[in-house]
Amino acid sequence: MVRSSAIAIPKASRPEHVRENAAAADIVLAAEDLAELDRAFAPPTRPRPLEMI
């Protein structure tokens, strides 16, 4: 997680999925990648409740 104010709660229903989630911690994104993600998925400007699915 890039922002210290955010957390992720990944779903893992199989051991393989747990390993995939753990491997994601090793991914390093360049500043350009992060900027592109922010353009596509704008960070919230204020606190808001979690959406329930």
PDB file of N, CA and C in Angstrom:
ATOM      1  N   MET A   1       0.837  -1.171   0.000  1.00  0.00           N
ATOM      2  CA  MET A   1       0.000   0.000   0.000  1.00  0.00           C
ATOM      3  C   MET A   1       0.888   1.242   0.000  1.00  0.00           C
ATOM      4  N   VAL A   2       0.592   2.116  -0.883  1.00  0.00           N
ATOM      5  CA  VAL A   2       1.393   3.324  -1.027  1.00  0.00           C
ATOM      6  C   VAL A   2       1.027   4.367   0.024  1.00  0.00           C
ATOM      7  N   ARG A   3      -0.243   4.490   0.283  1.00  0.00           N
ATOM      8  CA  ARG A   3      -0.704   5.504   1.240  1.00  0.00           C
ATOM      9  C   ARG A   3      -0.849   4.873   2.624  1.00  0.00           C
ATOM     10  N   SER A   4      -0.211   5.478   3.600  1.00  0.00           N
ATOM     11  CA  SER A   4      -0.252   4.903   4.939  1.00  0.00           C
ATOM     12  C   SER A   4      -1.631   5.012   5.582  1.00  0.00           C
ATOM     13  N   SER A   5      -2.519   5.827   5.016  1.00  0.00           N
ATOM     14  CA  SER A   5      -3.853   5.988   5.598  1.00  0.00           C
ATOM     15  C   SER A   5      -4.860   4.989   5.029  1.00  0.00           C
ATOM     16  N   ALA A   6      -4.412   4.071   4.192  1.00  0.00           N
ATOM     17  CA  ALA A   6      -5.308   3.094   3.570  1.00  0.00           C
ATOM     18  C   ALA A   6      -4.880   1.684   3.957  1.00  0.00           C
ATOM     19  N   ILE A   7      -5.854   0.799   3.994  1.00  0.00           N
ATOM     20  CA  ILE A   7      -5.550  -0.601   4.255  1.00  0.00           C
ATOM     21  C   ILE A   7      -6.231  -1.450   3.184  1.00  0.00           C
ATOM     22  N   ALA A   8      -5.737  -2.637   2.988  1.00  0.00           N
ATOM     23  CA  ALA A   8      -6.349  -3.582   2.055  1.00  0.00           C
ATOM     24  C   ALA A   8      -6.721  -4.836   2.833  1.00  0.00           C
ATOM     25  N   ILE A   9      -7.882  -5.347   2.538  1.00  0.00           N
ATOM     26  CA  ILE A   9      -8.321  -6.597   3.142  1.00  0.00           C
ATOM     27  C   ILE A   9      -8.576  -7.564   1.990  1.00  0.00           C
ATOM     28  N   PRO A  10      -7.537  -8.289   1.568  1.00  0.00           N
ATOM     29  CA  PRO A  10      -7.705  -9.179   0.425  1.00  0.00           C
ATOM     30  C   PRO A  10      -8.470 -10.447   0.790  1.00  0.00           C
ATOM     31  N   LYS A  11      -9.231 -10.918  -0.157  1.00  0.00           N
ATOM     32  CA  LYS A  11      -9.937 -12.179   0.025  1.00  0.00           C
ATOM     33  C   LYS A  11      -9.020 -13.308  -0.441  1.00  0.00           C
ATOM     34  N   ALA A  12      -8.990 -14.374   0.302  1.00  0.00           N
ATOM     35  CA  ALA A  12      -8.196 -15.530  -0.081  1.00  0.00           C
ATOM     36  C   ALA A  12      -8.957 -16.782   0.335  1.00  0.00           C
ATOM     37  N   SER A  13      -9.450 -17.496  -0.659  1.00  0.00           N
ATOM     38  CA  SER A  13     -10.230 -18.698  -0.364  1.00  0.00           C
ATOM     39  C   SER A  13      -9.441 -19.989  -0.587  1.00  0.00           C
ATOM     40  N   ARG A  14      -8.238 -19.846  -1.156  1.00  0.00           N
ATOM     41  CA  ARG A  14      -7.395 -21.017  -1.400  1.00  0.00           C
ATOM     42  C   ARG A  14      -5.949 -20.686  -1.019  1.00  0.00           C
ATOM     43  N   PRO A  15      -5.165 -21.664  -0.623  1.00  0.00           N
ATOM     44  CA  PRO A  15      -3.757 -21.397  -0.296  1.00  0.00           C
ATOM     45  C   PRO A  15      -3.009 -20.702  -1.443  1.00  0.00           C
ATOM     46  N   GLU A  16      -3.319 -21.072  -2.675  1.00  0.00           N
ATOM     47  CA  GLU A  16      -2.672 -20.438  -3.835  1.00  0.00           C
ATOM     48  C   GLU A  16      -2.975 -18.943  -3.863  1.00  0.00           C
ATOM     49  N   HIS A  17      -4.196 -18.582  -3.536  1.00  0.00           N
ATOM     50  CA  HIS A  17      -4.586 -17.184  -3.533  1.00  0.00           C
ATOM     51  C   HIS A  17      -3.851 -16.419  -2.429  1.00  0.00           C
ATOM     52  N   VAL A  18      -3.638 -17.044  -1.291  1.00  0.00           N
ATOM     53  CA  VAL A  18      -2.870 -16.425  -0.208  1.00  0.00           C
ATOM     54  C   VAL A  18      -1.451 -16.126  -0.688  1.00  0.00           C
ATOM     55  N   ARG A  19      -0.836 -17.075  -1.382  1.00  0.00           N
ATOM     56  CA  ARG A  19       0.525 -16.871  -1.908  1.00  0.00           C
ATOM     57  C   ARG A  19       0.549 -15.736  -2.931  1.00  0.00           C
ATOM     58  N   GLU A  20      -0.460 -15.668  -3.802  1.00  0.00           N
ATOM     59  CA  GLU A  20      -0.533 -14.583  -4.796  1.00  0.00           C
ATOM     60  C   GLU A  20      -0.662 -13.228  -4.101  1.00  0.00           C
ATOM     61  N   ASN A  21      -1.505 -13.158  -3.071  1.00  0.00           N
ATOM     62  CA  ASN A  21      -1.666 -11.904  -2.335  1.00  0.00           C
ATOM     63  C   ASN A  21      -0.346 -11.497  -1.673  1.00  0.00           C
ATOM     64  N   ALA A  22       0.358 -12.441  -1.079  1.00  0.00           N
ATOM     65  CA  ALA A  22       1.624 -12.141  -0.423  1.00  0.00           C
ATOM     66  C   ALA A  22       2.666 -11.667  -1.434  1.00  0.00           C
ATOM     67  N   ALA A  23       2.694 -12.251  -2.624  1.00  0.00           N
ATOM     68  CA  ALA A  23       3.653 -11.867  -3.657  1.00  0.00           C
ATOM     69  C   ALA A  23       3.409 -10.439  -4.138  1.00  0.00           C
ATOM     70  N   ALA A  24       2.188  -9.962  -4.042  1.00  0.00           N
ATOM     71  CA  ALA A  24       1.871  -8.604  -4.485  1.00  0.00           C
ATOM     72  C   ALA A  24       2.632  -7.560  -3.677  1.00  0.00           C
ATOM     73  N   ALA A  25       3.040  -7.881  -2.457  1.00  0.00           N
ATOM     74  CA  ALA A  25       3.797  -6.936  -1.630  1.00  0.00           C
ATOM     75  C   ALA A  25       5.161  -6.628  -2.226  1.00  0.00           C
ATOM     76  N   ASP A  26       5.646  -7.470  -3.122  1.00  0.00           N
ATOM     77  CA  ASP A  26       6.960  -7.264  -3.738  1.00  0.00           C
ATOM     78  C   ASP A  26       6.904  -6.390  -4.988  1.00  0.00           C
ATOM     79  N   ILE A  27       5.720  -6.027  -5.434  1.00  0.00           N
ATOM     80  CA  ILE A  27       5.573  -5.209  -6.637  1.00  0.00           C
ATOM     81  C   ILE A  27       5.937  -3.765  -6.313  1.00  0.00           C
ATOM     82  N   VAL A  28       6.783  -3.168  -7.151  1.00  0.00           N
ATOM     83  CA  VAL A  28       7.174  -1.769  -6.995  1.00  0.00           C
ATOM     84  C   VAL A  28       6.704  -1.020  -8.236  1.00  0.00           C
ATOM     85  N   LEU A  29       5.911   0.018  -8.026  1.00  0.00           N
ATOM     86  CA  LEU A  29       5.395   0.807  -9.143  1.00  0.00           C
ATOM     87  C   LEU A  29       6.171   2.115  -9.257  1.00  0.00           C
ATOM     88  N   ALA A  30       6.435   2.524 -10.484  1.00  0.00           N
ATOM     89  CA  ALA A  30       7.109   3.796 -10.735  1.00  0.00           C
ATOM     90  C   ALA A  30       6.127   4.938 -10.486  1.00  0.00           C
ATOM     91  N   ALA A  31       6.667   6.133 -10.292  1.00  0.00           N
ATOM     92  CA  ALA A  31       5.834   7.313 -10.055  1.00  0.00           C
ATOM     93  C   ALA A  31       4.833   7.512 -11.189  1.00  0.00           C
ATOM     94  N   GLU A  32       5.244   7.224 -12.423  1.00  0.00           N
ATOM     95  CA  GLU A  32       4.340   7.373 -13.568  1.00  0.00           C
ATOM     96  C   GLU A  32       3.167   6.399 -13.469  1.00  0.00           C
ATOM     97  N   ASP A  33       3.441   5.184 -13.018  1.00  0.00           N
ATOM     98  CA  ASP A  33       2.378   4.186 -12.845  1.00  0.00           C
ATOM     99  C   ASP A  33       1.382   4.647 -11.786  1.00  0.00           C
ATOM    100  N   LEU A  34       1.897   5.162 -10.664  1.00  0.00           N
ATOM    101  CA  LEU A  34       1.025   5.631  -9.595  1.00  0.00           C
ATOM    102  C   LEU A  34       0.183   6.814 -10.051  1.00  0.00           C
ATOM    103  N   ALA A  35       0.769   7.714 -10.825  1.00  0.00           N
ATOM    104  CA  ALA A  35       0.028   8.867 -11.342  1.00  0.00           C
ATOM    105  C   ALA A  35      -1.081   8.408 -12.277  1.00  0.00           C
ATOM    106  N   GLU A  36      -0.797   7.421 -13.117  1.00  0.00           N
ATOM    107  CA  GLU A  36      -1.817   6.899 -14.033  1.00  0.00           C
ATOM    108  C   GLU A  36      -2.961   6.245 -13.252  1.00  0.00           C
ATOM    109  N   LEU A  37      -2.628   5.501 -12.214  1.00  0.00           N
ATOM    110  CA  LEU A  37      -3.671   4.897 -11.375  1.00  0.00           C
ATOM    111  C   LEU A  37      -4.513   5.972 -10.683  1.00  0.00           C
ATOM    112  N   ASP A  38      -3.867   7.040 -10.207  1.00  0.00           N
ATOM    113  CA  ASP A  38      -4.609   8.130  -9.573  1.00  0.00           C
ATOM    114  C   ASP A  38      -5.538   8.828 -10.563  1.00  0.00           C
ATOM    115  N   ARG A  39      -5.125   8.917 -11.818  1.00  0.00           N
ATOM    116  CA  ARG A  39      -6.011   9.510 -12.836  1.00  0.00           C
ATOM    117  C   ARG A  39      -7.204   8.599 -13.109  1.00  0.00           C
ATOM    118  N   ALA A  40      -6.961   7.316 -13.162  1.00  0.00           N
ATOM    119  CA  ALA A  40      -8.033   6.365 -13.463  1.00  0.00           C
ATOM    120  C   ALA A  40      -8.956   6.146 -12.277  1.00  0.00           C
ATOM    121  N   PHE A  41      -8.391   6.180 -11.068  1.00  0.00           N
ATOM    122  CA  PHE A  41      -9.152   5.930  -9.842  1.00  0.00           C
ATOM    123  C   PHE A  41      -8.789   7.024  -8.841  1.00  0.00           C
ATOM    124  N   ALA A  42      -9.445   8.143  -8.967  1.00  0.00           N
ATOM    125  CA  ALA A  42      -9.095   9.310  -8.150  1.00  0.00           C
ATOM    126  C   ALA A  42      -9.182   8.987  -6.660  1.00  0.00           C
ATOM    127  N   PRO A  43      -8.156   9.373  -5.904  1.00  0.00           N
ATOM    128  CA  PRO A  43      -8.201   9.162  -4.452  1.00  0.00           C
ATOM    129  C   PRO A  43      -9.343   9.984  -3.848  1.00  0.00           C
ATOM    130  N   PRO A  44      -9.948   9.519  -2.773  1.00  0.00           N
ATOM    131  CA  PRO A  44     -11.026  10.294  -2.151  1.00  0.00           C
ATOM    132  C   PRO A  44     -10.486  11.611  -1.585  1.00  0.00           C
ATOM    133  N   THR A  45     -11.341  12.618  -1.585  1.00  0.00           N
ATOM    134  CA  THR A  45     -10.944  13.924  -1.071  1.00  0.00           C
ATOM    135  C   THR A  45     -11.388  14.121   0.371  1.00  0.00           C
ATOM    136  N   ARG A  46     -12.187  13.173   0.886  1.00  0.00           N
ATOM    137  CA  ARG A  46     -12.665  13.266   2.261  1.00  0.00           C
ATOM    138  C   ARG A  46     -12.937  11.851   2.768  1.00  0.00           C
ATOM    139  N   PRO A  47     -12.990  11.664   4.066  1.00  0.00           N
ATOM    140  CA  PRO A  47     -13.339  10.333   4.597  1.00  0.00           C
ATOM    141  C   PRO A  47     -14.739   9.934   4.154  1.00  0.00           C
ATOM    142  N   ARG A  48     -14.918   8.672   3.896  1.00  0.00           N
ATOM    143  CA  ARG A  48     -16.247   8.184   3.552  1.00  0.00           C
ATOM    144  C   ARG A  48     -16.377   6.738   4.019  1.00  0.00           C
ATOM    145  N   PRO A  49     -17.604   6.298   4.306  1.00  0.00           N
ATOM    146  CA  PRO A  49     -17.774   4.934   4.792  1.00  0.00           C
ATOM    147  C   PRO A  49     -17.443   3.906   3.716  1.00  0.00           C
ATOM    148  N   LEU A  50     -17.080   2.718   4.162  1.00  0.00           N
ATOM    149  CA  LEU A  50     -16.803   1.639   3.223  1.00  0.00           C
ATOM    150  C   LEU A  50     -18.064   1.200   2.533  1.00  0.00           C
ATOM    151  N   GLU A  51     -17.946   0.869   1.256  1.00  0.00           N
ATOM    152  CA  GLU A  51     -19.096   0.342   0.527  1.00  0.00           C
ATOM    153  C   GLU A  51     -19.285  -1.124   0.883  1.00  0.00           C
ATOM    154  N   MET A  52     -20.493  -1.530   1.021  1.00  0.00           N
ATOM    155  CA  MET A  52     -20.800  -2.933   1.298  1.00  0.00           C
ATOM    156  C   MET A  52     -21.223  -3.599  -0.013  1.00  0.00           C
ATOM    157  N   ILE A  53     -20.634  -4.751  -0.290  1.00  0.00           N
ATOM    158  CA  ILE A  53     -21.006  -5.461  -1.521  1.00  0.00           C
ATOM    159  C   ILE A  53     -21.708  -6.741  -1.181  1.00  0.00           C
TER     160      ILE A  53
END
